[in-house]
Amino acid sequence: MLKLLLVVALFAVITYLTVRVIERRGQPAARRGHPAQGVRRRPARPAAPDDDEEFLRELDRRRLDPGDDEGR
């Protein structure tokens, strides 16, 4: 029983170390180590309409002057 427990523990350690190595290979070198290192970039994502200042200005313009739709 003790041998089985040691084999399972050894397998768990080897699996853990293998996963750690694979995860670290996918990261740029500057991001390894301390979190303050490297440049943090915002994820590229489309801006929602309510985040777009030009879109909000256009809505205000349409609300204030509903007769002027510029051919739309």
N, C-alpha and C. Protein backbone atom coordinates (compact mmCIF):
# COMPACT_ATOMS: atom_id res chain seq x y z
N MET A 1 0.83 -1.20 0.00
CA MET A 1 0.00 0.00 0.00
C MET A 1 0.87 1.25 0.00
N LEU A 2 1.95 1.22 0.74
CA LEU A 2 2.85 2.38 0.81
C LEU A 2 3.52 2.63 -0.54
N LYS A 3 3.85 1.54 -1.24
CA LYS A 3 4.46 1.69 -2.57
C LYS A 3 3.48 2.37 -3.53
N LEU A 4 2.23 1.99 -3.48
CA LEU A 4 1.22 2.60 -4.35
C LEU A 4 1.07 4.09 -4.04
N LEU A 5 1.07 4.44 -2.77
CA LEU A 5 0.97 5.84 -2.38
C LEU A 5 2.17 6.63 -2.87
N LEU A 6 3.36 6.07 -2.77
CA LEU A 6 4.56 6.75 -3.26
C LEU A 6 4.53 6.91 -4.78
N VAL A 7 4.06 5.92 -5.49
CA VAL A 7 3.97 6.01 -6.95
C VAL A 7 2.97 7.09 -7.34
N VAL A 8 1.83 7.16 -6.67
CA VAL A 8 0.82 8.17 -6.98
C VAL A 8 1.37 9.57 -6.66
N ALA A 9 2.05 9.72 -5.54
CA ALA A 9 2.62 11.02 -5.17
C ALA A 9 3.69 11.43 -6.17
N LEU A 10 4.54 10.51 -6.58
CA LEU A 10 5.58 10.82 -7.57
C LEU A 10 4.95 11.21 -8.90
N PHE A 11 3.91 10.50 -9.31
CA PHE A 11 3.21 10.83 -10.55
C PHE A 11 2.59 12.23 -10.47
N ALA A 12 2.02 12.57 -9.31
CA ALA A 12 1.40 13.89 -9.12
C ALA A 12 2.45 14.99 -9.21
N VAL A 13 3.61 14.79 -8.61
CA VAL A 13 4.67 15.80 -8.65
C VAL A 13 5.19 15.98 -10.07
N ILE A 14 5.40 14.90 -10.78
CA ILE A 14 5.89 14.98 -12.16
C ILE A 14 4.86 15.67 -13.05
N THR A 15 3.60 15.33 -12.88
CA THR A 15 2.54 15.97 -13.66
C THR A 15 2.47 17.47 -13.37
N TYR A 16 2.55 17.84 -12.10
CA TYR A 16 2.51 19.25 -11.72
C TYR A 16 3.68 20.02 -12.35
N LEU A 17 4.88 19.47 -12.25
CA LEU A 17 6.05 20.16 -12.81
C LEU A 17 5.96 20.27 -14.33
N THR A 18 5.45 19.24 -14.97
CA THR A 18 5.31 19.27 -16.43
C THR A 18 4.32 20.36 -16.85
N VAL A 19 3.20 20.46 -16.15
CA VAL A 19 2.21 21.49 -16.47
C VAL A 19 2.78 22.88 -16.25
N ARG A 20 3.53 23.06 -15.17
CA ARG A 20 4.15 24.37 -14.89
C ARG A 20 5.10 24.77 -16.02
N VAL A 21 5.92 23.84 -16.48
CA VAL A 21 6.86 24.14 -17.57
C VAL A 21 6.11 24.51 -18.84
N ILE A 22 5.07 23.79 -19.16
CA ILE A 22 4.29 24.07 -20.36
C ILE A 22 3.62 25.44 -20.26
N GLU A 23 3.08 25.78 -19.10
CA GLU A 23 2.44 27.09 -18.92
C GLU A 23 3.45 28.22 -19.04
N ARG A 24 4.63 28.06 -18.49
CA ARG A 24 5.62 29.12 -18.53
C ARG A 24 6.18 29.33 -19.93
N ARG A 25 6.19 28.31 -20.75
CA ARG A 25 6.67 28.48 -22.12
C ARG A 25 5.75 29.37 -22.93
N GLY A 26 4.49 29.40 -22.60
CA GLY A 26 3.53 30.21 -23.34
C GLY A 26 3.55 31.68 -22.97
N GLN A 27 4.26 32.05 -21.92
CA GLN A 27 4.30 33.44 -21.48
C GLN A 27 5.55 34.12 -21.98
N PRO A 28 5.47 35.42 -22.31
CA PRO A 28 6.67 36.16 -22.68
C PRO A 28 7.62 36.24 -21.48
N ALA A 29 8.89 36.40 -21.76
CA ALA A 29 9.90 36.40 -20.71
C ALA A 29 9.70 37.53 -19.71
N ALA A 30 9.22 38.69 -20.17
CA ALA A 30 9.05 39.84 -19.28
C ALA A 30 7.93 39.61 -18.27
N ARG A 31 6.99 38.74 -18.55
CA ARG A 31 5.86 38.52 -17.65
C ARG A 31 6.16 37.47 -16.60
N ARG A 32 7.24 36.73 -16.76
CA ARG A 32 7.60 35.74 -15.76
C ARG A 32 8.12 36.45 -14.52
N GLY A 33 7.98 35.82 -13.41
CA GLY A 33 8.51 36.41 -12.18
C GLY A 33 7.53 37.37 -11.55
N HIS A 34 8.03 38.51 -11.18
CA HIS A 34 7.25 39.50 -10.46
C HIS A 34 6.20 40.13 -11.37
N PRO A 35 4.96 40.31 -10.90
CA PRO A 35 3.89 40.85 -11.74
C PRO A 35 4.14 42.28 -12.21
N ALA A 36 4.98 43.04 -11.50
CA ALA A 36 5.21 44.43 -11.87
C ALA A 36 6.17 44.54 -13.07
N GLN A 37 6.81 43.46 -13.43
CA GLN A 37 7.73 43.51 -14.56
C GLN A 37 6.96 43.46 -15.87
N GLY A 38 7.57 44.04 -16.89
CA GLY A 38 6.96 43.99 -18.21
C GLY A 38 5.87 45.03 -18.37
N VAL A 39 5.36 45.09 -19.57
CA VAL A 39 4.32 46.06 -19.89
C VAL A 39 2.98 45.34 -19.91
N ARG A 40 2.03 45.88 -19.21
CA ARG A 40 0.69 45.30 -19.22
C ARG A 40 -0.13 45.98 -20.29
N ARG A 41 -0.66 45.18 -21.18
CA ARG A 41 -1.51 45.73 -22.23
C ARG A 41 -2.95 45.36 -21.95
N ARG A 42 -3.83 46.25 -22.34
CA ARG A 42 -5.25 45.95 -22.21
C ARG A 42 -5.61 44.93 -23.29
N PRO A 43 -6.49 44.03 -22.98
CA PRO A 43 -6.90 43.07 -24.01
C PRO A 43 -7.61 43.77 -25.16
N ALA A 44 -7.28 43.35 -26.36
CA ALA A 44 -7.91 43.95 -27.54
C ALA A 44 -9.35 43.46 -27.61
N ARG A 45 -10.26 44.39 -27.55
CA ARG A 45 -11.67 44.05 -27.64
C ARG A 45 -12.39 45.22 -28.27
N PRO A 46 -13.46 44.96 -28.95
CA PRO A 46 -14.21 46.07 -29.54
C PRO A 46 -14.88 46.90 -28.45
N ALA A 47 -14.92 48.18 -28.69
CA ALA A 47 -15.58 49.08 -27.73
C ALA A 47 -17.08 48.94 -27.89
N ALA A 48 -17.76 48.88 -26.79
CA ALA A 48 -19.21 48.82 -26.82
C ALA A 48 -19.74 50.19 -27.23
N PRO A 49 -20.93 50.27 -27.80
CA PRO A 49 -21.45 51.56 -28.23
C PRO A 49 -21.52 52.58 -27.09
N ASP A 50 -21.79 52.13 -25.88
CA ASP A 50 -21.88 53.09 -24.79
C ASP A 50 -20.51 53.54 -24.30
N ASP A 51 -19.42 52.97 -24.82
CA ASP A 51 -18.07 53.41 -24.48
C ASP A 51 -17.51 54.37 -25.53
N ASP A 52 -18.17 54.46 -26.66
CA ASP A 52 -17.68 55.25 -27.78
C ASP A 52 -18.23 56.68 -27.66
N GLU A 53 -17.33 57.64 -27.43
CA GLU A 53 -17.76 59.03 -27.23
C GLU A 53 -18.43 59.61 -28.48
N GLU A 54 -17.93 59.25 -29.64
CA GLU A 54 -18.53 59.77 -30.88
C GLU A 54 -19.96 59.25 -31.05
N PHE A 55 -20.17 57.98 -30.73
CA PHE A 55 -21.50 57.40 -30.81
C PHE A 55 -22.46 58.12 -29.85
N LEU A 56 -21.99 58.41 -28.64
CA LEU A 56 -22.84 59.10 -27.66
C LEU A 56 -23.16 60.52 -28.10
N ARG A 57 -22.18 61.22 -28.69
CA ARG A 57 -22.44 62.56 -29.21
C ARG A 57 -23.49 62.52 -30.31
N GLU A 58 -23.40 61.52 -31.18
CA GLU A 58 -24.38 61.37 -32.27
C GLU A 58 -25.78 61.12 -31.71
N LEU A 59 -25.88 60.31 -30.67
CA LEU A 59 -27.19 60.07 -30.05
C LEU A 59 -27.75 61.35 -29.45
N ASP A 60 -26.90 62.14 -28.78
CA ASP A 60 -27.36 63.41 -28.21
C ASP A 60 -27.82 64.36 -29.31
N ARG A 61 -27.07 64.40 -30.42
CA ARG A 61 -27.43 65.28 -31.52
C ARG A 61 -28.78 64.87 -32.10
N ARG A 62 -29.00 63.56 -32.26
CA ARG A 62 -30.28 63.08 -32.80
C ARG A 62 -31.42 63.35 -31.83
N ARG A 63 -31.14 63.23 -30.54
CA ARG A 63 -32.19 63.45 -29.54
C ARG A 63 -32.60 64.92 -29.51
N LEU A 64 -31.61 65.82 -29.65
CA LEU A 64 -31.92 67.24 -29.59
C LEU A 64 -32.54 67.76 -30.88
N ASP A 65 -32.20 67.14 -32.03
CA ASP A 65 -32.72 67.58 -33.31
C ASP A 65 -33.20 66.37 -34.10
N PRO A 66 -34.38 65.80 -33.75
CA PRO A 66 -34.84 64.56 -34.37
C PRO A 66 -35.15 64.70 -35.86
N GLY A 67 -35.39 65.91 -36.37
CA GLY A 67 -35.71 66.09 -37.78
C GLY A 67 -34.48 66.02 -38.67
N ASP A 68 -33.31 66.16 -38.12
CA ASP A 68 -32.07 66.18 -38.89
C ASP A 68 -31.37 64.82 -38.77
N ASP A 69 -31.67 63.92 -39.73
CA ASP A 69 -31.05 62.59 -39.71
C ASP A 69 -29.95 62.43 -40.73
N GLU A 70 -29.57 63.46 -41.43
CA GLU A 70 -28.49 63.45 -42.44
C GLU A 70 -28.70 62.33 -43.45
N GLY A 71 -29.91 62.18 -43.97
CA GLY A 71 -30.18 61.22 -45.02
C GLY A 71 -30.31 59.78 -44.54
N ARG A 72 -30.49 59.56 -43.27
CA ARG A 72 -30.59 58.20 -42.75
C ARG A 72 -32.01 57.79 -42.57
